[in-house]
Amino acid sequence: MENTEVKRQTLALLVDNEPGVLSQIARLFSRKGYNIEAFAAGPTENPGMSRITIDVLADEPHTELLCNQLRKLYPIHSVKWLNAETSIYREHMLVKVRAESSERRNDIMQLANIFRAQIIDVSLQTLTIGISGDADKLNGLLNILSEFEVLEIARTGVVAIERGIATINDESKESGEFSYGKNVL
C-alpha cells in the first residue's frame, strides 16, 4: 500500500540557466494544482546550470507524478526527490526586532548567541538578526523573539543536498523518466 499522507516533500532540480525555466516549472505545478511552499534557486559548479530546490505539500504518489512530469520538461536535466534521512536541509532568515533600550538590545543579543545567530545590523530602535539552520531552529528563535516586537521577517526557501557521495548528477533524465518508486527517483 502506498503512502497517501500529505506532507512537505523536497525536490532538487538541475536545470539550464536560461530565461523561462522558472515559468515552465511554475506552470506545471499550477496545472497540477500544487502550491510551491518554498523555492530556492542558485548557480552550480557549472555556469550554464542552476539548482532549484522546491518544497511542496503532497503525498508520495503525487510527488512521484510531479517528478516524472518535471523530467519531461526540456530545460531540466535531473530531478531528485530528497528525504530527511539522507539529506541536509538549511534555510536562512533575517529578523528585525524592535529594541529601543540598551537592556532590550542586550537581551536580544543573548538570545541570538544561544541560537548561534549573528547580529547583522544595529540601530537605536532595532536589531536585525541573521540565522541559518533547519526549520526547527529558525522557528525556535522566532518563538522566543515573539515576546519582543518582531517588525519584519525575510526567510529564504530551503536548500538541500544529499549526504555522502550521492549527487544530483547520479541519474540521467532518460534512465529516471520511466522508472517508478521512490528509490529510483
N, C-alpha and C. Protein backbone atom coordinates (compact mmCIF):
# COMPACT_ATOMS: atom_id res chain seq x y z
N MET A 1 0.83 -1.18 0.00
CA MET A 1 0.00 0.00 0.00
C MET A 1 0.88 1.25 0.00
N GLU A 2 0.58 2.18 -0.87
CA GLU A 2 1.37 3.39 -0.99
C GLU A 2 0.98 4.38 0.09
N ASN A 3 1.97 5.21 0.47
CA ASN A 3 1.75 6.22 1.49
C ASN A 3 0.99 7.39 0.88
N THR A 4 -0.21 7.66 1.38
CA THR A 4 -1.02 8.77 0.86
C THR A 4 -1.08 9.92 1.86
N GLU A 5 -0.17 9.95 2.82
CA GLU A 5 -0.10 11.04 3.79
C GLU A 5 0.48 12.28 3.09
N VAL A 6 -0.27 13.37 3.16
CA VAL A 6 0.21 14.62 2.59
C VAL A 6 1.20 15.24 3.56
N LYS A 7 2.40 15.51 3.08
CA LYS A 7 3.42 16.15 3.91
C LYS A 7 4.36 16.94 3.00
N ARG A 8 5.22 17.69 3.62
CA ARG A 8 6.16 18.52 2.87
C ARG A 8 7.19 17.63 2.19
N GLN A 9 7.28 17.75 0.88
CA GLN A 9 8.23 16.98 0.08
C GLN A 9 9.24 17.96 -0.52
N THR A 10 10.50 17.54 -0.62
CA THR A 10 11.55 18.39 -1.17
C THR A 10 12.07 17.78 -2.45
N LEU A 11 12.08 18.61 -3.50
CA LEU A 11 12.59 18.20 -4.81
C LEU A 11 13.79 19.07 -5.15
N ALA A 12 14.84 18.46 -5.68
CA ALA A 12 16.00 19.19 -6.16
C ALA A 12 16.07 19.01 -7.67
N LEU A 13 16.26 20.11 -8.40
CA LEU A 13 16.29 20.08 -9.85
C LEU A 13 17.59 20.70 -10.34
N LEU A 14 18.14 20.12 -11.39
CA LEU A 14 19.28 20.69 -12.09
C LEU A 14 18.76 21.13 -13.45
N VAL A 15 18.83 22.43 -13.73
CA VAL A 15 18.19 22.99 -14.92
C VAL A 15 19.17 23.87 -15.70
N ASP A 16 18.82 24.09 -16.98
CA ASP A 16 19.58 25.06 -17.77
C ASP A 16 19.39 26.44 -17.17
N ASN A 17 20.45 27.22 -17.15
CA ASN A 17 20.37 28.59 -16.65
C ASN A 17 19.99 29.48 -17.82
N GLU A 18 18.67 29.57 -18.07
CA GLU A 18 18.19 30.36 -19.20
C GLU A 18 16.82 30.94 -18.87
N PRO A 19 16.44 31.99 -19.59
CA PRO A 19 15.12 32.60 -19.33
C PRO A 19 13.98 31.62 -19.61
N GLY A 20 12.93 31.70 -18.79
CA GLY A 20 11.73 30.91 -18.99
C GLY A 20 11.66 29.60 -18.24
N VAL A 21 12.76 29.14 -17.68
CA VAL A 21 12.76 27.85 -16.98
C VAL A 21 11.84 27.90 -15.76
N LEU A 22 11.97 28.95 -14.96
CA LEU A 22 11.13 29.06 -13.76
C LEU A 22 9.66 29.13 -14.11
N SER A 23 9.36 29.81 -15.20
CA SER A 23 7.98 29.92 -15.66
C SER A 23 7.41 28.55 -16.02
N GLN A 24 8.18 27.73 -16.72
CA GLN A 24 7.73 26.38 -17.08
C GLN A 24 7.45 25.54 -15.84
N ILE A 25 8.34 25.63 -14.87
CA ILE A 25 8.18 24.85 -13.64
C ILE A 25 6.94 25.32 -12.88
N ALA A 26 6.78 26.63 -12.75
CA ALA A 26 5.62 27.18 -12.03
C ALA A 26 4.32 26.78 -12.72
N ARG A 27 4.28 26.81 -14.05
CA ARG A 27 3.07 26.42 -14.79
C ARG A 27 2.74 24.95 -14.55
N LEU A 28 3.75 24.09 -14.50
CA LEU A 28 3.50 22.68 -14.25
C LEU A 28 2.85 22.48 -12.88
N PHE A 29 3.39 23.12 -11.86
CA PHE A 29 2.82 23.00 -10.51
C PHE A 29 1.41 23.55 -10.48
N SER A 30 1.18 24.66 -11.14
CA SER A 30 -0.14 25.28 -11.19
C SER A 30 -1.15 24.37 -11.89
N ARG A 31 -0.77 23.82 -13.03
CA ARG A 31 -1.66 22.91 -13.78
C ARG A 31 -2.04 21.69 -12.96
N LYS A 32 -1.11 21.19 -12.16
CA LYS A 32 -1.37 20.00 -11.34
C LYS A 32 -2.07 20.35 -10.03
N GLY A 33 -2.26 21.65 -9.76
CA GLY A 33 -2.99 22.07 -8.56
C GLY A 33 -2.16 22.09 -7.30
N TYR A 34 -0.84 22.29 -7.42
CA TYR A 34 0.03 22.32 -6.24
C TYR A 34 0.60 23.70 -6.04
N ASN A 35 0.66 24.10 -4.78
CA ASN A 35 1.29 25.35 -4.41
C ASN A 35 2.73 25.07 -4.01
N ILE A 36 3.64 25.87 -4.48
CA ILE A 36 5.04 25.75 -4.08
C ILE A 36 5.17 26.41 -2.71
N GLU A 37 5.51 25.61 -1.69
CA GLU A 37 5.61 26.10 -0.31
C GLU A 37 6.90 26.89 -0.09
N ALA A 38 8.00 26.46 -0.69
CA ALA A 38 9.28 27.15 -0.58
C ALA A 38 10.05 26.89 -1.86
N PHE A 39 10.88 27.87 -2.24
CA PHE A 39 11.57 27.81 -3.51
C PHE A 39 12.92 28.50 -3.34
N ALA A 40 13.99 27.86 -3.77
CA ALA A 40 15.31 28.49 -3.76
C ALA A 40 16.03 28.09 -5.04
N ALA A 41 16.70 29.05 -5.65
CA ALA A 41 17.43 28.79 -6.89
C ALA A 41 18.78 29.48 -6.82
N GLY A 42 19.77 28.86 -7.44
CA GLY A 42 21.09 29.48 -7.46
C GLY A 42 22.02 28.76 -8.42
N PRO A 43 23.19 29.36 -8.62
CA PRO A 43 24.17 28.78 -9.55
C PRO A 43 24.76 27.48 -9.01
N THR A 44 25.33 26.71 -9.91
CA THR A 44 26.01 25.46 -9.55
C THR A 44 27.48 25.57 -9.94
N GLU A 45 28.18 24.45 -9.83
CA GLU A 45 29.59 24.42 -10.24
C GLU A 45 29.73 24.58 -11.75
N ASN A 46 28.64 24.38 -12.50
CA ASN A 46 28.61 24.56 -13.95
C ASN A 46 27.90 25.88 -14.26
N PRO A 47 28.58 26.86 -14.86
CA PRO A 47 27.95 28.17 -15.09
C PRO A 47 26.70 28.14 -15.97
N GLY A 48 26.51 27.11 -16.77
CA GLY A 48 25.34 27.02 -17.63
C GLY A 48 24.14 26.38 -16.96
N MET A 49 24.28 26.00 -15.69
CA MET A 49 23.20 25.31 -14.98
C MET A 49 22.87 26.01 -13.67
N SER A 50 21.63 25.83 -13.24
CA SER A 50 21.18 26.29 -11.93
C SER A 50 20.59 25.12 -11.17
N ARG A 51 20.63 25.22 -9.85
CA ARG A 51 20.00 24.21 -9.00
C ARG A 51 18.80 24.86 -8.34
N ILE A 52 17.68 24.17 -8.37
CA ILE A 52 16.45 24.67 -7.78
C ILE A 52 16.00 23.67 -6.73
N THR A 53 15.64 24.17 -5.55
CA THR A 53 15.07 23.33 -4.51
C THR A 53 13.64 23.82 -4.30
N ILE A 54 12.69 22.87 -4.36
CA ILE A 54 11.28 23.20 -4.23
C ILE A 54 10.67 22.35 -3.12
N ASP A 55 9.92 22.98 -2.22
CA ASP A 55 9.13 22.27 -1.23
C ASP A 55 7.67 22.36 -1.64
N VAL A 56 6.97 21.23 -1.58
CA VAL A 56 5.56 21.17 -1.96
C VAL A 56 4.85 20.25 -0.98
N LEU A 57 3.58 20.55 -0.67
CA LEU A 57 2.77 19.64 0.14
C LEU A 57 2.11 18.63 -0.78
N ALA A 58 2.47 17.36 -0.61
CA ALA A 58 1.93 16.31 -1.48
C ALA A 58 2.12 14.95 -0.80
N ASP A 59 1.37 13.96 -1.28
CA ASP A 59 1.61 12.59 -0.83
C ASP A 59 2.65 11.96 -1.76
N GLU A 60 3.07 10.74 -1.44
CA GLU A 60 4.13 10.10 -2.23
C GLU A 60 3.74 9.84 -3.68
N PRO A 61 2.54 9.30 -3.96
CA PRO A 61 2.19 9.07 -5.37
C PRO A 61 2.16 10.36 -6.20
N HIS A 62 1.65 11.45 -5.61
CA HIS A 62 1.62 12.71 -6.36
C HIS A 62 3.00 13.32 -6.50
N THR A 63 3.87 13.12 -5.52
CA THR A 63 5.25 13.61 -5.62
C THR A 63 5.96 12.86 -6.74
N GLU A 64 5.74 11.57 -6.81
CA GLU A 64 6.32 10.76 -7.89
C GLU A 64 5.83 11.26 -9.26
N LEU A 65 4.54 11.57 -9.35
CA LEU A 65 3.97 12.10 -10.59
C LEU A 65 4.62 13.43 -10.94
N LEU A 66 4.77 14.32 -9.96
CA LEU A 66 5.42 15.61 -10.21
C LEU A 66 6.84 15.42 -10.70
N CYS A 67 7.59 14.51 -10.10
CA CYS A 67 8.97 14.24 -10.54
C CYS A 67 8.99 13.78 -12.00
N ASN A 68 8.11 12.86 -12.33
CA ASN A 68 8.07 12.36 -13.71
C ASN A 68 7.67 13.45 -14.70
N GLN A 69 6.72 14.31 -14.31
CA GLN A 69 6.32 15.41 -15.18
C GLN A 69 7.45 16.43 -15.34
N LEU A 70 8.17 16.72 -14.26
CA LEU A 70 9.29 17.66 -14.33
C LEU A 70 10.39 17.14 -15.26
N ARG A 71 10.64 15.84 -15.21
CA ARG A 71 11.68 15.25 -16.06
C ARG A 71 11.39 15.42 -17.55
N LYS A 72 10.12 15.58 -17.89
CA LYS A 72 9.75 15.73 -19.30
C LYS A 72 10.01 17.13 -19.85
N LEU A 73 10.23 18.10 -18.96
CA LEU A 73 10.49 19.46 -19.42
C LEU A 73 11.90 19.54 -20.01
N TYR A 74 12.00 20.18 -21.15
CA TYR A 74 13.26 20.24 -21.88
C TYR A 74 14.44 20.80 -21.09
N PRO A 75 14.30 21.94 -20.39
CA PRO A 75 15.47 22.51 -19.74
C PRO A 75 15.89 21.84 -18.43
N ILE A 76 15.18 20.79 -18.01
CA ILE A 76 15.52 20.12 -16.76
C ILE A 76 16.38 18.89 -17.05
N HIS A 77 17.54 18.84 -16.41
CA HIS A 77 18.48 17.74 -16.63
C HIS A 77 18.33 16.63 -15.60
N SER A 78 17.97 17.00 -14.39
CA SER A 78 17.89 16.00 -13.33
C SER A 78 16.86 16.43 -12.28
N VAL A 79 16.15 15.44 -11.74
CA VAL A 79 15.19 15.68 -10.67
C VAL A 79 15.47 14.65 -9.58
N LYS A 80 15.62 15.11 -8.35
CA LYS A 80 15.81 14.20 -7.22
C LYS A 80 14.80 14.52 -6.15
N TRP A 81 14.19 13.48 -5.63
CA TRP A 81 13.25 13.59 -4.52
C TRP A 81 14.07 13.31 -3.27
N LEU A 82 14.26 14.31 -2.43
CA LEU A 82 15.12 14.20 -1.27
C LEU A 82 14.32 13.80 -0.03
N ASN A 83 14.96 13.06 0.86
CA ASN A 83 14.29 12.73 2.12
C ASN A 83 15.19 13.11 3.29
N ALA A 84 14.59 13.31 4.43
CA ALA A 84 15.29 13.82 5.61
C ALA A 84 16.38 12.89 6.11
N GLU A 85 16.22 11.59 5.93
CA GLU A 85 17.21 10.65 6.46
C GLU A 85 18.53 10.72 5.71
N THR A 86 18.51 11.09 4.43
CA THR A 86 19.72 11.06 3.63
C THR A 86 20.12 12.44 3.09
N SER A 87 19.50 13.49 3.61
CA SER A 87 19.78 14.83 3.09
C SER A 87 19.99 15.84 4.21
N ILE A 88 20.61 16.94 3.85
CA ILE A 88 20.85 18.05 4.76
C ILE A 88 20.00 19.22 4.26
N TYR A 89 19.22 19.83 5.14
CA TYR A 89 18.34 20.94 4.80
C TYR A 89 18.77 22.19 5.58
N ARG A 90 18.80 23.33 4.91
CA ARG A 90 19.11 24.59 5.57
C ARG A 90 18.27 25.72 4.98
N GLU A 91 17.96 26.70 5.83
CA GLU A 91 17.30 27.94 5.43
C GLU A 91 18.09 29.09 6.03
N HIS A 92 17.85 30.27 5.52
CA HIS A 92 18.43 31.47 6.11
C HIS A 92 17.29 32.43 6.42
N MET A 93 17.41 33.15 7.52
CA MET A 93 16.36 34.08 7.92
C MET A 93 16.99 35.35 8.47
N LEU A 94 16.39 36.48 8.11
CA LEU A 94 16.72 37.76 8.72
C LEU A 94 15.49 38.22 9.50
N VAL A 95 15.70 38.67 10.74
CA VAL A 95 14.60 39.11 11.60
C VAL A 95 14.94 40.47 12.17
N LYS A 96 14.05 41.44 11.95
CA LYS A 96 14.22 42.77 12.53
C LYS A 96 13.32 42.87 13.76
N VAL A 97 13.92 43.22 14.90
CA VAL A 97 13.21 43.26 16.17
C VAL A 97 13.34 44.67 16.78
N ARG A 98 12.24 45.17 17.32
CA ARG A 98 12.29 46.47 18.00
C ARG A 98 13.12 46.31 19.26
N ALA A 99 14.10 47.23 19.43
CA ALA A 99 14.98 47.19 20.60
C ALA A 99 15.39 48.63 20.92
N GLU A 100 14.54 49.34 21.64
CA GLU A 100 14.75 50.78 21.85
C GLU A 100 15.54 51.10 23.11
N SER A 101 15.89 50.10 23.90
CA SER A 101 16.71 50.36 25.09
C SER A 101 17.92 49.43 25.06
N SER A 102 18.98 49.85 25.73
CA SER A 102 20.19 49.02 25.76
C SER A 102 19.92 47.69 26.46
N GLU A 103 19.05 47.69 27.46
CA GLU A 103 18.69 46.43 28.16
C GLU A 103 18.01 45.45 27.20
N ARG A 104 17.09 45.98 26.43
CA ARG A 104 16.37 45.14 25.47
C ARG A 104 17.33 44.61 24.38
N ARG A 105 18.24 45.48 23.90
CA ARG A 105 19.23 45.04 22.90
C ARG A 105 20.10 43.93 23.47
N ASN A 106 20.53 44.08 24.72
CA ASN A 106 21.36 43.05 25.36
C ASN A 106 20.60 41.72 25.48
N ASP A 107 19.34 41.78 25.86
CA ASP A 107 18.53 40.56 25.97
C ASP A 107 18.42 39.85 24.62
N ILE A 108 18.17 40.62 23.58
CA ILE A 108 18.03 40.04 22.24
C ILE A 108 19.36 39.47 21.76
N MET A 109 20.46 40.17 22.03
CA MET A 109 21.78 39.67 21.63
C MET A 109 22.12 38.36 22.34
N GLN A 110 21.75 38.23 23.61
CA GLN A 110 21.99 36.98 24.33
C GLN A 110 21.19 35.83 23.71
N LEU A 111 19.93 36.10 23.35
CA LEU A 111 19.12 35.08 22.68
C LEU A 111 19.74 34.69 21.33
N ALA A 112 20.21 35.67 20.60
CA ALA A 112 20.84 35.39 19.31
C ALA A 112 22.07 34.49 19.50
N ASN A 113 22.86 34.77 20.53
CA ASN A 113 24.04 33.94 20.80
C ASN A 113 23.67 32.50 21.12
N ILE A 114 22.61 32.31 21.88
CA ILE A 114 22.17 30.96 22.24
C ILE A 114 21.85 30.16 20.97
N PHE A 115 21.25 30.82 19.97
CA PHE A 115 20.87 30.15 18.72
C PHE A 115 21.97 30.21 17.67
N ARG A 116 23.14 30.71 18.05
CA ARG A 116 24.27 30.88 17.13
C ARG A 116 23.90 31.73 15.92
N ALA A 117 23.09 32.72 16.18
CA ALA A 117 22.70 33.69 15.15
C ALA A 117 23.67 34.87 15.23
N GLN A 118 23.63 35.70 14.20
CA GLN A 118 24.50 36.87 14.16
C GLN A 118 23.66 38.14 14.16
N ILE A 119 24.20 39.15 14.82
CA ILE A 119 23.58 40.47 14.74
C ILE A 119 24.13 41.11 13.47
N ILE A 120 23.23 41.39 12.53
CA ILE A 120 23.62 41.89 11.22
C ILE A 120 23.60 43.42 11.19
N ASP A 121 22.65 44.02 11.93
CA ASP A 121 22.51 45.46 11.92
C ASP A 121 21.99 45.92 13.28
N VAL A 122 22.52 47.07 13.72
CA VAL A 122 22.10 47.65 14.99
C VAL A 122 21.76 49.12 14.76
N SER A 123 20.62 49.54 15.29
CA SER A 123 20.28 50.96 15.31
C SER A 123 19.77 51.28 16.71
N LEU A 124 19.43 52.52 16.94
CA LEU A 124 18.91 52.89 18.26
C LEU A 124 17.51 52.32 18.51
N GLN A 125 16.80 51.93 17.44
CA GLN A 125 15.44 51.40 17.59
C GLN A 125 15.33 49.90 17.31
N THR A 126 16.27 49.32 16.56
CA THR A 126 16.12 47.93 16.13
C THR A 126 17.43 47.15 16.16
N LEU A 127 17.26 45.84 16.16
CA LEU A 127 18.36 44.89 15.90
C LEU A 127 17.89 44.00 14.76
N THR A 128 18.80 43.69 13.84
CA THR A 128 18.49 42.72 12.79
C THR A 128 19.39 41.52 13.00
N ILE A 129 18.76 40.35 13.06
CA ILE A 129 19.45 39.10 13.34
C ILE A 129 19.45 38.25 12.08
N GLY A 130 20.58 37.61 11.79
CA GLY A 130 20.68 36.65 10.70
C GLY A 130 20.95 35.28 11.28
N ILE A 131 20.24 34.27 10.79
CA ILE A 131 20.40 32.91 11.30
C ILE A 131 20.24 31.91 10.16
N SER A 132 21.07 30.87 10.20
CA SER A 132 20.95 29.77 9.24
C SER A 132 20.78 28.47 10.01
N GLY A 133 20.01 27.56 9.44
CA GLY A 133 19.82 26.27 10.08
C GLY A 133 18.59 25.58 9.54
N ASP A 134 18.17 24.53 10.22
CA ASP A 134 16.95 23.84 9.79
C ASP A 134 15.73 24.62 10.27
N ALA A 135 14.58 24.25 9.77
CA ALA A 135 13.34 24.98 10.06
C ALA A 135 13.05 25.01 11.56
N ASP A 136 13.33 23.92 12.28
CA ASP A 136 13.07 23.90 13.72
C ASP A 136 13.88 24.96 14.46
N LYS A 137 15.14 25.12 14.08
CA LYS A 137 15.99 26.13 14.72
C LYS A 137 15.46 27.53 14.45
N LEU A 138 15.11 27.82 13.21
CA LEU A 138 14.59 29.15 12.86
C LEU A 138 13.27 29.42 13.56
N ASN A 139 12.39 28.43 13.58
CA ASN A 139 11.10 28.59 14.26
C ASN A 139 11.29 28.76 15.77
N GLY A 140 12.26 28.06 16.33
CA GLY A 140 12.55 28.20 17.75
C GLY A 140 12.97 29.61 18.11
N LEU A 141 13.84 30.21 17.29
CA LEU A 141 14.24 31.59 17.55
C LEU A 141 13.04 32.53 17.41
N LEU A 142 12.22 32.32 16.39
CA LEU A 142 11.03 33.17 16.22
C LEU A 142 10.10 33.08 17.42
N ASN A 143 9.92 31.88 17.95
CA ASN A 143 9.05 31.71 19.13
C ASN A 143 9.57 32.50 20.32
N ILE A 144 10.87 32.45 20.54
CA ILE A 144 11.47 33.19 21.66
C ILE A 144 11.37 34.70 21.42
N LEU A 145 11.60 35.11 20.18
CA LEU A 145 11.56 36.54 19.86
C LEU A 145 10.14 37.10 19.88
N SER A 146 9.14 36.24 19.92
CA SER A 146 7.75 36.71 19.92
C SER A 146 7.43 37.55 21.16
N GLU A 147 8.21 37.40 22.24
CA GLU A 147 7.98 38.25 23.42
C GLU A 147 8.50 39.67 23.19
N PHE A 148 9.28 39.86 22.14
CA PHE A 148 9.71 41.19 21.72
C PHE A 148 8.85 41.55 20.51
N GLU A 149 8.96 42.73 20.01
CA GLU A 149 8.17 43.12 18.84
C GLU A 149 8.96 42.84 17.57
N VAL A 150 8.57 41.77 16.87
CA VAL A 150 9.19 41.44 15.59
C VAL A 150 8.57 42.36 14.54
N LEU A 151 9.42 43.14 13.88
CA LEU A 151 8.95 44.11 12.90
C LEU A 151 8.90 43.55 11.49
N GLU A 152 9.84 42.65 11.18
CA GLU A 152 9.91 42.14 9.81
C GLU A 152 10.71 40.85 9.79
N ILE A 153 10.29 39.96 8.89
CA ILE A 153 10.98 38.68 8.69
C ILE A 153 11.21 38.50 7.19
N ALA A 154 12.43 38.12 6.83
CA ALA A 154 12.75 37.72 5.45
C ALA A 154 13.38 36.33 5.55
N ARG A 155 12.75 35.36 4.90
CA ARG A 155 13.17 33.97 5.04
C ARG A 155 13.35 33.35 3.66
N THR A 156 14.46 32.68 3.46
CA THR A 156 14.69 32.01 2.19
C THR A 156 13.90 30.71 2.15
N GLY A 157 13.84 30.12 1.00
CA GLY A 157 13.34 28.77 0.90
C GLY A 157 14.43 27.81 1.35
N VAL A 158 14.07 26.57 1.45
CA VAL A 158 15.00 25.52 1.86
C VAL A 158 15.98 25.25 0.73
N VAL A 159 17.24 25.07 1.08
CA VAL A 159 18.21 24.48 0.17
C VAL A 159 18.58 23.14 0.78
N ALA A 160 18.77 22.15 -0.06
CA ALA A 160 19.04 20.80 0.45
C ALA A 160 20.03 20.11 -0.46
N ILE A 161 20.78 19.21 0.13
CA ILE A 161 21.76 18.41 -0.61
C ILE A 161 21.85 17.05 0.07
N GLU A 162 22.10 16.02 -0.71
CA GLU A 162 22.21 14.68 -0.13
C GLU A 162 23.52 14.52 0.63
N ARG A 163 23.47 13.71 1.67
CA ARG A 163 24.67 13.39 2.44
C ARG A 163 25.57 12.44 1.65
N GLY A 164 26.84 12.45 1.98
CA GLY A 164 27.77 11.49 1.40
C GLY A 164 28.10 11.76 -0.06
N ILE A 165 28.40 10.71 -0.79
CA ILE A 165 28.90 10.80 -2.15
C ILE A 165 27.81 11.04 -3.20
N ALA A 166 26.56 10.75 -2.86
CA ALA A 166 25.47 10.90 -3.83
C ALA A 166 25.33 12.36 -4.27
N THR A 167 25.07 12.55 -5.56
CA THR A 167 24.86 13.90 -6.11
C THR A 167 23.60 13.92 -6.96
N ILE A 168 23.20 15.10 -7.31
CA ILE A 168 22.04 15.26 -8.17
C ILE A 168 22.34 14.73 -9.58
N ASN A 169 23.61 14.60 -9.92
CA ASN A 169 24.02 14.13 -11.24
C ASN A 169 24.04 12.61 -11.37
N ASP A 170 23.67 11.88 -10.31
CA ASP A 170 23.76 10.42 -10.33
C ASP A 170 22.88 9.76 -11.37
N GLU A 171 21.75 10.35 -11.68
CA GLU A 171 20.84 9.73 -12.64
C GLU A 171 20.61 10.66 -13.82
N SER A 172 20.55 10.07 -15.00
CA SER A 172 20.25 10.89 -16.18
C SER A 172 18.75 11.02 -16.33
N LYS A 173 18.34 11.97 -17.10
CA LYS A 173 16.92 12.19 -17.35
C LYS A 173 16.29 10.96 -17.98
N GLU A 174 17.00 10.35 -18.91
CA GLU A 174 16.44 9.20 -19.61
C GLU A 174 16.25 7.99 -18.70
N SER A 175 17.22 7.70 -17.84
CA SER A 175 17.10 6.50 -17.02
C SER A 175 16.01 6.63 -15.96
N GLY A 176 15.73 7.83 -15.50
CA GLY A 176 14.73 8.00 -14.45
C GLY A 176 13.34 8.27 -14.96
N GLU A 177 13.21 8.63 -16.24
CA GLU A 177 11.91 9.09 -16.74
C GLU A 177 10.83 8.03 -16.66
N PHE A 178 11.16 6.78 -16.90
CA PHE A 178 10.13 5.74 -16.91
C PHE A 178 10.24 4.80 -15.73
N SER A 179 11.04 5.16 -14.73
CA SER A 179 11.17 4.34 -13.54
C SER A 179 10.11 4.73 -12.52
N TYR A 180 9.68 3.78 -11.73
CA TYR A 180 8.67 4.05 -10.72
C TYR A 180 9.19 3.64 -9.36
N GLY A 181 8.73 4.33 -8.34
CA GLY A 181 9.14 4.03 -6.97
C GLY A 181 10.10 5.06 -6.47
N LYS A 182 10.00 5.38 -5.19
CA LYS A 182 10.79 6.46 -4.59
C LYS A 182 12.29 6.20 -4.69
N ASN A 183 12.73 4.96 -4.58
CA ASN A 183 14.14 4.68 -4.53
C ASN A 183 14.86 4.91 -5.85
N VAL A 184 14.14 4.93 -6.94
CA VAL A 184 14.80 5.12 -8.23
C VAL A 184 14.66 6.53 -8.76
N LEU A 185 14.02 7.40 -8.01
CA LEU A 185 13.89 8.78 -8.45
C LEU A 185 15.18 9.48 -8.20
